[in-house]
Amino acid sequence: MGGFGSGRHSNKRKVDECLRIDVNKLRKAGCLEFNYRGELKWSVDGEQTGVIGLRMNGGRLILDYQVRRPGEDWAQVEEAVPI
């Protein structure tokens, strides 16, 4: 009684379930160079599961993507990440 996994369950996503951006892979691929523009795509079994726009502006990587919360419409997000 009261062991691991018992009790309340959360609807929150776990880190392992989230899409990842590996800055080291981006650097090696030249994505962090001045004025770079492109996109990063994720897929599972050949089916696209996510896409995000990337562009370098000064010392910042600009991420451009859409999100949708349950019961809401898609919302455009632009997020600057200092590099």
N, C-alpha and C. Protein backbone atom coordinates (compact mmCIF):
# COMPACT_ATOMS: atom_id res chain seq x y z
N MET A 1 0.84 -1.17 0.00
CA MET A 1 0.00 0.00 0.00
C MET A 1 0.89 1.24 0.00
N GLY A 2 0.58 2.19 -0.90
CA GLY A 2 1.34 3.44 -0.92
C GLY A 2 2.69 3.32 -1.61
N GLY A 3 2.89 2.27 -2.39
CA GLY A 3 4.16 2.09 -3.07
C GLY A 3 4.32 2.98 -4.29
N PHE A 4 5.45 2.84 -4.96
CA PHE A 4 5.75 3.63 -6.15
C PHE A 4 4.65 3.46 -7.19
N GLY A 5 4.17 4.58 -7.73
CA GLY A 5 3.16 4.55 -8.78
C GLY A 5 1.73 4.53 -8.28
N SER A 6 1.55 4.42 -6.98
CA SER A 6 0.19 4.44 -6.45
C SER A 6 -0.23 5.87 -6.16
N GLY A 7 -1.49 6.07 -5.95
CA GLY A 7 -1.96 7.41 -5.61
C GLY A 7 -2.26 8.23 -6.84
N ARG A 8 -2.08 9.53 -6.72
CA ARG A 8 -2.43 10.46 -7.81
C ARG A 8 -1.54 10.28 -9.03
N HIS A 9 -2.14 10.51 -10.17
CA HIS A 9 -1.39 10.48 -11.42
C HIS A 9 -1.44 11.86 -12.04
N SER A 10 -0.35 12.27 -12.62
CA SER A 10 -0.25 13.60 -13.22
C SER A 10 -0.43 13.53 -14.72
N ASN A 11 -1.04 14.57 -15.29
CA ASN A 11 -1.18 14.68 -16.74
C ASN A 11 0.01 15.40 -17.34
N LYS A 12 0.97 15.81 -16.52
CA LYS A 12 2.13 16.53 -17.02
C LYS A 12 3.04 15.58 -17.79
N ARG A 13 3.66 16.13 -18.86
CA ARG A 13 4.60 15.33 -19.64
C ARG A 13 5.90 15.17 -18.88
N LYS A 14 6.53 14.04 -19.10
CA LYS A 14 7.83 13.79 -18.51
C LYS A 14 8.92 14.26 -19.48
N VAL A 15 10.07 14.60 -18.98
CA VAL A 15 11.16 15.09 -19.81
C VAL A 15 11.47 14.11 -20.94
N ASP A 16 11.44 12.83 -20.65
CA ASP A 16 11.74 11.81 -21.67
C ASP A 16 10.75 11.83 -22.83
N GLU A 17 9.58 12.40 -22.63
CA GLU A 17 8.55 12.44 -23.66
C GLU A 17 8.63 13.69 -24.53
N CYS A 18 9.50 14.62 -24.18
CA CYS A 18 9.60 15.89 -24.89
C CYS A 18 10.61 15.82 -26.04
N LEU A 19 10.39 16.67 -27.04
CA LEU A 19 11.34 16.79 -28.14
C LEU A 19 12.57 17.53 -27.62
N ARG A 20 13.73 17.21 -28.17
CA ARG A 20 14.98 17.79 -27.67
C ARG A 20 15.71 18.56 -28.76
N ILE A 21 16.44 19.58 -28.32
CA ILE A 21 17.34 20.33 -29.20
C ILE A 21 18.73 20.18 -28.60
N ASP A 22 19.63 19.59 -29.35
CA ASP A 22 21.01 19.37 -28.89
C ASP A 22 21.90 20.46 -29.48
N VAL A 23 22.32 21.41 -28.64
CA VAL A 23 23.10 22.55 -29.12
C VAL A 23 24.44 22.09 -29.71
N ASN A 24 25.01 21.02 -29.21
CA ASN A 24 26.27 20.52 -29.77
C ASN A 24 26.08 20.01 -31.21
N LYS A 25 24.96 19.32 -31.45
CA LYS A 25 24.67 18.86 -32.82
C LYS A 25 24.40 20.05 -33.74
N LEU A 26 23.69 21.06 -33.24
CA LEU A 26 23.44 22.26 -34.04
C LEU A 26 24.75 22.94 -34.42
N ARG A 27 25.67 23.04 -33.46
CA ARG A 27 26.97 23.68 -33.72
C ARG A 27 27.74 22.91 -34.78
N LYS A 28 27.80 21.59 -34.63
CA LYS A 28 28.53 20.75 -35.59
C LYS A 28 27.93 20.84 -36.99
N ALA A 29 26.61 21.04 -37.08
CA ALA A 29 25.93 21.11 -38.37
C ALA A 29 25.98 22.52 -38.97
N GLY A 30 26.60 23.47 -38.26
CA GLY A 30 26.71 24.84 -38.78
C GLY A 30 25.50 25.71 -38.53
N CYS A 31 24.58 25.25 -37.72
CA CYS A 31 23.34 25.98 -37.46
C CYS A 31 23.52 27.20 -36.56
N LEU A 32 24.66 27.32 -35.92
CA LEU A 32 24.89 28.45 -35.02
C LEU A 32 25.77 29.51 -35.65
N GLU A 33 25.96 29.43 -36.97
CA GLU A 33 26.76 30.41 -37.70
C GLU A 33 25.94 31.68 -37.94
N PHE A 34 26.64 32.79 -38.15
CA PHE A 34 26.02 34.09 -38.40
C PHE A 34 24.98 33.99 -39.52
N ASN A 35 23.79 34.52 -39.27
CA ASN A 35 22.68 34.60 -40.23
C ASN A 35 22.13 33.25 -40.70
N TYR A 36 22.39 32.16 -39.98
CA TYR A 36 21.83 30.86 -40.35
C TYR A 36 20.30 30.91 -40.28
N ARG A 37 19.65 30.26 -41.22
CA ARG A 37 18.19 30.05 -41.21
C ARG A 37 17.92 28.62 -41.63
N GLY A 38 17.04 27.98 -40.92
CA GLY A 38 16.68 26.61 -41.28
C GLY A 38 15.62 26.09 -40.33
N GLU A 39 15.47 24.78 -40.32
CA GLU A 39 14.51 24.18 -39.40
C GLU A 39 15.02 22.83 -38.93
N LEU A 40 14.49 22.43 -37.81
CA LEU A 40 14.82 21.15 -37.19
C LEU A 40 13.54 20.34 -37.17
N LYS A 41 13.62 19.09 -37.64
CA LYS A 41 12.44 18.23 -37.70
C LYS A 41 12.68 16.97 -36.88
N TRP A 42 11.60 16.47 -36.31
CA TRP A 42 11.63 15.22 -35.58
C TRP A 42 10.65 14.26 -36.26
N SER A 43 10.98 12.98 -36.25
CA SER A 43 10.06 11.99 -36.82
C SER A 43 10.18 10.67 -36.06
N VAL A 44 9.12 9.90 -36.15
CA VAL A 44 9.08 8.56 -35.57
C VAL A 44 8.53 7.64 -36.65
N ASP A 45 9.28 6.61 -36.98
CA ASP A 45 8.88 5.65 -38.01
C ASP A 45 8.50 6.35 -39.32
N GLY A 46 9.27 7.38 -39.69
CA GLY A 46 9.06 8.09 -40.94
C GLY A 46 7.95 9.13 -40.91
N GLU A 47 7.24 9.25 -39.80
CA GLU A 47 6.16 10.24 -39.68
C GLU A 47 6.65 11.44 -38.87
N GLN A 48 6.52 12.63 -39.45
CA GLN A 48 6.99 13.85 -38.78
C GLN A 48 6.17 14.08 -37.51
N THR A 49 6.87 14.29 -36.40
CA THR A 49 6.21 14.52 -35.11
C THR A 49 6.43 15.93 -34.59
N GLY A 50 7.33 16.68 -35.22
CA GLY A 50 7.57 18.05 -34.78
C GLY A 50 8.50 18.78 -35.72
N VAL A 51 8.36 20.10 -35.75
CA VAL A 51 9.24 20.94 -36.56
C VAL A 51 9.38 22.29 -35.85
N ILE A 52 10.57 22.86 -35.94
CA ILE A 52 10.83 24.15 -35.31
C ILE A 52 11.75 24.96 -36.23
N GLY A 53 11.42 26.22 -36.43
CA GLY A 53 12.26 27.10 -37.22
C GLY A 53 13.43 27.60 -36.39
N LEU A 54 14.60 27.71 -37.02
CA LEU A 54 15.81 28.18 -36.33
C LEU A 54 16.42 29.32 -37.14
N ARG A 55 16.88 30.35 -36.45
CA ARG A 55 17.67 31.38 -37.12
C ARG A 55 18.57 32.04 -36.09
N MET A 56 19.79 32.33 -36.54
CA MET A 56 20.76 33.02 -35.68
C MET A 56 20.64 34.51 -35.93
N ASN A 57 20.60 35.27 -34.85
CA ASN A 57 20.51 36.72 -34.93
C ASN A 57 21.39 37.28 -33.82
N GLY A 58 22.55 37.81 -34.20
CA GLY A 58 23.51 38.24 -33.17
C GLY A 58 23.97 37.02 -32.42
N GLY A 59 23.98 37.09 -31.13
CA GLY A 59 24.39 35.96 -30.30
C GLY A 59 23.21 35.16 -29.79
N ARG A 60 22.08 35.22 -30.52
CA ARG A 60 20.87 34.52 -30.07
C ARG A 60 20.36 33.56 -31.14
N LEU A 61 19.89 32.42 -30.70
CA LEU A 61 19.22 31.47 -31.56
C LEU A 61 17.73 31.71 -31.40
N ILE A 62 17.06 32.08 -32.48
CA ILE A 62 15.63 32.35 -32.43
C ILE A 62 14.89 31.08 -32.81
N LEU A 63 14.02 30.61 -31.91
CA LEU A 63 13.20 29.42 -32.13
C LEU A 63 11.80 29.88 -32.51
N ASP A 64 11.25 29.34 -33.57
CA ASP A 64 9.95 29.74 -34.07
C ASP A 64 9.11 28.47 -34.21
N TYR A 65 8.04 28.38 -33.42
CA TYR A 65 7.24 27.15 -33.42
C TYR A 65 5.81 27.44 -32.99
N GLN A 66 4.96 26.43 -33.07
CA GLN A 66 3.57 26.54 -32.65
C GLN A 66 3.30 25.57 -31.51
N VAL A 67 2.40 25.99 -30.61
CA VAL A 67 1.97 25.14 -29.51
C VAL A 67 0.44 25.18 -29.43
N ARG A 68 -0.11 24.13 -28.88
CA ARG A 68 -1.56 24.10 -28.66
C ARG A 68 -1.83 23.42 -27.33
N ARG A 69 -2.49 24.14 -26.48
CA ARG A 69 -2.90 23.57 -25.20
C ARG A 69 -4.28 22.94 -25.39
N PRO A 70 -4.61 21.93 -24.59
CA PRO A 70 -5.91 21.27 -24.74
C PRO A 70 -7.05 22.29 -24.71
N GLY A 71 -7.93 22.18 -25.70
CA GLY A 71 -9.10 23.06 -25.78
C GLY A 71 -8.82 24.43 -26.36
N GLU A 72 -7.59 24.69 -26.81
CA GLU A 72 -7.24 25.99 -27.36
C GLU A 72 -6.77 25.85 -28.81
N ASP A 73 -6.72 26.99 -29.51
CA ASP A 73 -6.20 27.02 -30.87
C ASP A 73 -4.67 27.03 -30.83
N TRP A 74 -4.06 26.77 -32.00
CA TRP A 74 -2.61 26.83 -32.13
C TRP A 74 -2.14 28.27 -31.90
N ALA A 75 -1.04 28.43 -31.21
CA ALA A 75 -0.45 29.75 -30.96
C ALA A 75 0.99 29.76 -31.47
N GLN A 76 1.36 30.83 -32.16
CA GLN A 76 2.72 31.00 -32.67
C GLN A 76 3.62 31.50 -31.54
N VAL A 77 4.81 30.92 -31.42
CA VAL A 77 5.77 31.30 -30.39
C VAL A 77 7.10 31.63 -31.06
N GLU A 78 7.70 32.72 -30.65
CA GLU A 78 9.07 33.06 -31.09
C GLU A 78 9.86 33.29 -29.82
N GLU A 79 10.91 32.51 -29.65
CA GLU A 79 11.69 32.52 -28.41
C GLU A 79 13.17 32.69 -28.73
N ALA A 80 13.80 33.64 -28.07
CA ALA A 80 15.24 33.90 -28.28
C ALA A 80 16.05 33.21 -27.17
N VAL A 81 17.06 32.45 -27.57
CA VAL A 81 17.92 31.74 -26.63
C VAL A 81 19.34 32.27 -26.79
N PRO A 82 19.90 32.89 -25.75
CA PRO A 82 21.30 33.38 -25.87
C PRO A 82 22.26 32.22 -26.08
N ILE A 83 23.19 32.40 -27.01
CA ILE A 83 24.18 31.35 -27.29
C ILE A 83 25.56 31.91 -26.95
